[in-house]
C-alpha atoms as a PDB file:
ATOM      1  CA  MET A   1     -57.405  48.550 -91.162  1.00  0.00           C
ATOM      2  CA  LYS A   2     -56.907  47.749 -87.475  1.00  0.00           C
ATOM      3  CA  LYS A   3     -53.549  48.136 -85.852  1.00  0.00           C
ATOM      4  CA  LYS A   4     -52.204  45.206 -83.939  1.00  0.00           C
ATOM      5  CA  LEU A   5     -51.758  45.969 -80.292  1.00  0.00           C
ATOM      6  CA  THR A   6     -48.413  44.727 -79.171  1.00  0.00           C
ATOM      7  CA  LYS A   7     -47.313  44.659 -75.620  1.00  0.00           C
ATOM      8  CA  LYS A   8     -44.364  46.914 -75.123  1.00  0.00           C
ATOM      9  CA  LYS A   9     -41.516  45.425 -73.221  1.00  0.00           C
ATOM     10  CA  LYS A  10     -40.945  47.290 -70.020  1.00  0.00           C
ATOM     11  CA  ILE A  11     -37.424  48.563 -69.697  1.00  0.00           C
ATOM     12  CA  LEU A  12     -36.102  48.064 -66.206  1.00  0.00           C
ATOM     13  CA  THR A  13     -33.276  49.902 -64.573  1.00  0.00           C
ATOM     14  CA  PRO A  14     -30.471  47.827 -63.083  1.00  0.00           C
ATOM     15  CA  ALA A  15     -31.813  48.555 -59.593  1.00  0.00           C
ATOM     16  CA  GLN A  16     -35.290  47.333 -60.595  1.00  0.00           C
ATOM     17  CA  ARG A  17     -33.821  44.168 -62.103  1.00  0.00           C
ATOM     18  CA  ARG A  18     -31.841  43.531 -58.926  1.00  0.00           C
ATOM     19  CA  ASP A  19     -34.937  44.102 -56.761  1.00  0.00           C
ATOM     20  CA  ARG A  20     -37.007  41.755 -58.920  1.00  0.00           C
ATOM     21  CA  GLU A  21     -34.341  39.054 -58.724  1.00  0.00           C
ATOM     22  CA  ARG A  22     -34.071  39.408 -54.939  1.00  0.00           C
ATOM     23  CA  ARG A  23     -37.851  39.193 -54.588  1.00  0.00           C
ATOM     24  CA  ARG A  24     -37.903  35.987 -56.661  1.00  0.00           C
ATOM     25  CA  GLU A  25     -35.114  34.520 -54.537  1.00  0.00           C
ATOM     26  CA  ARG A  26     -36.993  35.370 -51.315  1.00  0.00           C
ATOM     27  CA  GLU A  27     -40.189  33.842 -52.659  1.00  0.00           C
ATOM     28  CA  ALA A  28     -38.349  30.687 -53.674  1.00  0.00           C
ATOM     29  CA  ALA A  29     -36.692  30.451 -50.253  1.00  0.00           C
ATOM     30  CA  ASN A  30     -40.035  30.965 -48.484  1.00  0.00           C
ATOM     31  CA  GLU A  31     -41.616  28.255 -50.608  1.00  0.00           C
ATOM     32  CA  ALA A  32     -38.796  25.832 -49.797  1.00  0.00           C
ATOM     33  CA  ASN A  33     -38.864  26.597 -46.056  1.00  0.00           C
ATOM     34  CA  ARG A  34     -42.589  26.238 -45.508  1.00  0.00           C
ATOM     35  CA  THR A  35     -43.314  23.636 -42.889  1.00  0.00           C
ATOM     36  CA  LEU A  36     -46.514  21.817 -42.196  1.00  0.00           C
ATOM     37  CA  THR A  37     -48.211  22.227 -38.871  1.00  0.00           C
ATOM     38  CA  THR A  38     -49.182  19.030 -37.110  1.00  0.00           C
ATOM     39  CA  SER A  39     -52.870  19.507 -37.819  1.00  0.00           C
ATOM     40  CA  LYS A  40     -52.261  20.214 -41.515  1.00  0.00           C
ATOM     41  CA  ALA A  41     -50.024  17.153 -41.813  1.00  0.00           C
ATOM     42  CA  ILE A  42     -52.687  14.969 -40.197  1.00  0.00           C
ATOM     43  CA  LYS A  43     -55.366  16.433 -42.464  1.00  0.00           C
ATOM     44  CA  GLN A  44     -53.265  15.790 -45.582  1.00  0.00           C
ATOM     45  CA  PHE A  45     -52.584  12.223 -44.462  1.00  0.00           C
ATOM     46  CA  CYS A  46     -56.287  11.591 -43.895  1.00  0.00           C
ATOM     47  CA  ILE A  47     -57.236  13.047 -47.276  1.00  0.00           C
ATOM     48  CA  GLN A  48     -54.600  10.888 -48.977  1.00  0.00           C
ATOM     49  CA  CYS A  49     -55.813   7.830 -47.055  1.00  0.00           C
ATOM     50  CA  SER A  50     -59.389   8.570 -48.183  1.00  0.00           C
ATOM     51  CA  GLY A  51     -58.432   8.513 -51.837  1.00  0.00           C
ATOM     52  CA  GLY A  52     -58.110  12.278 -52.132  1.00  0.00           C
ATOM     53  CA  SER A  53     -61.649  13.024 -50.967  1.00  0.00           C
ATOM     54  CA  ARG A  54     -62.003  15.692 -48.273  1.00  0.00           C
ATOM     55  CA  SER A  55     -65.575  14.713 -47.511  1.00  0.00           C
ATOM     56  CA  GLU A  56     -64.566  11.082 -47.015  1.00  0.00           C
ATOM     57  CA  ALA A  57     -61.761  12.169 -44.693  1.00  0.00           C
ATOM     58  CA  ALA A  58     -64.232  14.214 -42.651  1.00  0.00           C
ATOM     59  CA  ARG A  59     -66.556  11.192 -42.323  1.00  0.00           C
ATOM     60  CA  CYS A  60     -63.761   8.792 -41.420  1.00  0.00           C
ATOM     61  CA  VAL A  61     -64.825   5.971 -39.105  1.00  0.00           C
ATOM     62  CA  VAL A  62     -61.571   4.008 -39.014  1.00  0.00           C
ATOM     63  CA  ILE A  63     -61.100   4.102 -35.248  1.00  0.00           C
ATOM     64  CA  ALA A  64     -58.087   1.774 -35.503  1.00  0.00           C
ATOM     65  CA  CYS A  65     -56.121   4.558 -37.222  1.00  0.00           C
ATOM     66  CA  PRO A  66     -53.585   6.044 -34.788  1.00  0.00           C
ATOM     67  CA  LEU A  67     -54.396   9.560 -36.037  1.00  0.00           C
ATOM     68  CA  TRP A  68     -58.166   9.222 -35.700  1.00  0.00           C
ATOM     69  CA  HIS A  69     -58.274  10.691 -32.189  1.00  0.00           C
ATOM     70  CA  TYR A  70     -56.284  13.750 -33.246  1.00  0.00           C
ATOM     71  CA  ARG A  71     -58.744  14.837 -35.899  1.00  0.00           C
ATOM     72  CA  THR A  72     -60.888  17.636 -34.446  1.00  0.00           C
ATOM     73  CA  VAL A  73     -64.029  16.341 -36.124  1.00  0.00           C
ATOM     74  CA  ASN A  74     -63.501  12.899 -34.667  1.00  0.00           C
ATOM     75  CA  ALA A  75     -62.487  14.261 -31.274  1.00  0.00           C
ATOM     76  CA  ARG A  76     -65.797  16.134 -31.062  1.00  0.00           C
ATOM     77  CA  ARG A  77     -67.663  13.042 -32.259  1.00  0.00           C
ATOM     78  CA  GLU A  78     -65.880  10.912 -29.658  1.00  0.00           C
ATOM     79  CA  ASN A  79     -66.701  13.393 -26.884  1.00  0.00           C
ATOM     80  CA  LEU A  80     -70.376  13.309 -27.874  1.00  0.00           C
ATOM     81  CA  ILE A  81     -70.356   9.514 -27.727  1.00  0.00           C
ATOM     82  CA  ILE A  82     -68.770   9.582 -24.258  1.00  0.00           C
ATOM     83  CA  LEU A  83     -71.325  12.136 -23.045  1.00  0.00           C
ATOM     84  CA  ALA A  84     -74.185  10.045 -24.440  1.00  0.00           C
ATOM     85  CA  GLU A  85     -72.863   6.927 -22.664  1.00  0.00           C
ATOM     86  CA  ARG A  86     -72.620   8.822 -19.365  1.00  0.00           C
ATOM     87  CA  LYS A  87     -76.228   9.994 -19.668  1.00  0.00           C
ATOM     88  CA  GLU A  88     -77.377   6.427 -20.219  1.00  0.00           C
ATOM     89  CA  GLU A  89     -75.758   5.283 -16.980  1.00  0.00           C
END
């Protein structure tokens, strides 16, 4: 007959309990205080605007969007277009 393996409850000292509680409080505070960088906020907005699709956000062609020029992918694309127009002249 097989014995059931039960997980033994770890007995913590008061100092260990206090340390664990402080660590959880710090983690919760860090989670609450996280701020978005400008580029991450723009990226999240674009993904939301594209229906949650990252690939659609990367291929965005809505030039009328005020954030379009700030996307690095689009900025590079725009610079290539400008360079191509200059070569044609």
